[in-house]
Amino acid sequence: MATIEEIVKKADLLGYRGEKREEYLKQEFQLLEERQEKKEEAERQEKKEEAERQDKKEEAERQAIEKKE
């Protein structure tokens, strides 16, 4: 994932100045933010799924113990 510094450096290398530079940076920063939000959402979803798997495992173990008794 590109960092802010890398985005600014690329704008410099591309020779963007003034309004074109501002538009480029605005667009790239927005894309960076969207990618970060998607990454965070994926991490939250993974944690949720892991918690659900753990809950199911614990429930199955509890039921197995109750059956033995």
C-alpha atoms as a PDB file:
ATOM      1  CA  MET A   1       0.000   0.000   0.000  1.00  0.00           C
ATOM      2  CA  ALA A   2       1.311   3.411  -0.921  1.00  0.00           C
ATOM      3  CA  THR A   3       2.175   5.808   1.845  1.00  0.00           C
ATOM      4  CA  ILE A   4       1.451   9.511   1.863  1.00  0.00           C
ATOM      5  CA  GLU A   5       5.122  10.227   1.236  1.00  0.00           C
ATOM      6  CA  GLU A   6       5.143   7.882  -1.772  1.00  0.00           C
ATOM      7  CA  ILE A   7       2.042   9.526  -3.219  1.00  0.00           C
ATOM      8  CA  VAL A   8       3.552  13.002  -2.873  1.00  0.00           C
ATOM      9  CA  LYS A   9       6.842  11.807  -4.374  1.00  0.00           C
ATOM     10  CA  LYS A  10       4.991  10.298  -7.341  1.00  0.00           C
ATOM     11  CA  ALA A  11       3.151  13.582  -7.909  1.00  0.00           C
ATOM     12  CA  ASP A  12       6.534  15.324  -7.959  1.00  0.00           C
ATOM     13  CA  LEU A  13       7.990  12.763 -10.374  1.00  0.00           C
ATOM     14  CA  LEU A  14       4.992  13.124 -12.670  1.00  0.00           C
ATOM     15  CA  GLY A  15       5.573  16.861 -12.682  1.00  0.00           C
ATOM     16  CA  TYR A  16       2.118  17.769 -11.408  1.00  0.00           C
ATOM     17  CA  ARG A  17       1.815  21.388 -10.331  1.00  0.00           C
ATOM     18  CA  GLY A  18      -0.925  23.614  -9.021  1.00  0.00           C
ATOM     19  CA  GLU A  19      -4.505  22.482  -9.489  1.00  0.00           C
ATOM     20  CA  LYS A  20      -3.559  19.256 -11.266  1.00  0.00           C
ATOM     21  CA  ARG A  21      -1.305  18.316  -8.332  1.00  0.00           C
ATOM     22  CA  GLU A  22      -4.070  19.056  -5.835  1.00  0.00           C
ATOM     23  CA  GLU A  23      -6.558  16.928  -7.776  1.00  0.00           C
ATOM     24  CA  TYR A  24      -4.081  14.063  -8.093  1.00  0.00           C
ATOM     25  CA  LEU A  25      -3.233  14.137  -4.394  1.00  0.00           C
ATOM     26  CA  LYS A  26      -6.892  14.400  -3.400  1.00  0.00           C
ATOM     27  CA  GLN A  27      -7.776  11.389  -5.559  1.00  0.00           C
ATOM     28  CA  GLU A  28      -4.840   9.292  -4.355  1.00  0.00           C
ATOM     29  CA  PHE A  29      -5.477  10.128  -0.692  1.00  0.00           C
ATOM     30  CA  GLN A  30      -9.125   9.165  -1.124  1.00  0.00           C
ATOM     31  CA  LEU A  31      -8.103   5.832  -2.656  1.00  0.00           C
ATOM     32  CA  LEU A  32      -5.632   5.291   0.183  1.00  0.00           C
ATOM     33  CA  GLU A  33      -8.360   5.977   2.739  1.00  0.00           C
ATOM     34  CA  GLU A  34     -10.783   3.608   0.988  1.00  0.00           C
ATOM     35  CA  ARG A  35      -8.198   0.820   0.907  1.00  0.00           C
ATOM     36  CA  GLN A  36      -7.488   1.349   4.607  1.00  0.00           C
ATOM     37  CA  GLU A  37     -11.206   1.206   5.434  1.00  0.00           C
ATOM     38  CA  LYS A  38     -11.602  -2.016   3.420  1.00  0.00           C
ATOM     39  CA  LYS A  39      -8.604  -3.522   5.196  1.00  0.00           C
ATOM     40  CA  GLU A  40     -10.007  -2.593   8.604  1.00  0.00           C
ATOM     41  CA  GLU A  41     -13.434  -3.988   7.683  1.00  0.00           C
ATOM     42  CA  ALA A  42     -11.850  -7.248   6.534  1.00  0.00           C
ATOM     43  CA  GLU A  43      -9.950  -7.481   9.824  1.00  0.00           C
ATOM     44  CA  ARG A  44     -13.145  -6.849  11.825  1.00  0.00           C
ATOM     45  CA  GLN A  45     -14.983  -9.489   9.798  1.00  0.00           C
ATOM     46  CA  GLU A  46     -12.184 -12.011  10.340  1.00  0.00           C
ATOM     47  CA  LYS A  47     -12.239 -11.375  14.101  1.00  0.00           C
ATOM     48  CA  LYS A  48     -16.022 -11.780  14.130  1.00  0.00           C
ATOM     49  CA  GLU A  49     -15.818 -15.054  12.208  1.00  0.00           C
ATOM     50  CA  GLU A  50     -13.063 -16.339  14.491  1.00  0.00           C
ATOM     51  CA  ALA A  51     -15.169 -15.495  17.557  1.00  0.00           C
ATOM     52  CA  GLU A  52     -18.146 -17.320  16.035  1.00  0.00           C
ATOM     53  CA  ARG A  53     -15.998 -20.399  15.316  1.00  0.00           C
ATOM     54  CA  GLN A  54     -14.697 -20.330  18.880  1.00  0.00           C
ATOM     55  CA  ASP A  55     -18.237 -20.007  20.266  1.00  0.00           C
ATOM     56  CA  LYS A  56     -19.409 -22.985  18.200  1.00  0.00           C
ATOM     57  CA  LYS A  57     -16.422 -25.044  19.348  1.00  0.00           C
ATOM     58  CA  GLU A  58     -17.078 -24.202  22.998  1.00  0.00           C
ATOM     59  CA  GLU A  59     -20.786 -24.991  22.609  1.00  0.00           C
ATOM     60  CA  ALA A  60     -19.988 -28.359  21.024  1.00  0.00           C
ATOM     61  CA  GLU A  61     -17.574 -29.169  23.853  1.00  0.00           C
ATOM     62  CA  ARG A  62     -20.166 -28.156  26.448  1.00  0.00           C
ATOM     63  CA  GLN A  63     -22.803 -30.345  24.824  1.00  0.00           C
ATOM     64  CA  ALA A  64     -20.386 -33.284  24.660  1.00  0.00           C
ATOM     65  CA  ILE A  65     -19.696 -32.944  28.383  1.00  0.00           C
ATOM     66  CA  GLU A  66     -23.429 -32.751  29.158  1.00  0.00           C
ATOM     67  CA  LYS A  67     -24.073 -35.890  27.092  1.00  0.00           C
ATOM     68  CA  LYS A  68     -21.458 -37.823  29.077  1.00  0.00           C
ATOM     69  CA  GLU A  69     -23.159 -36.895  32.333  1.00  0.00           C
END
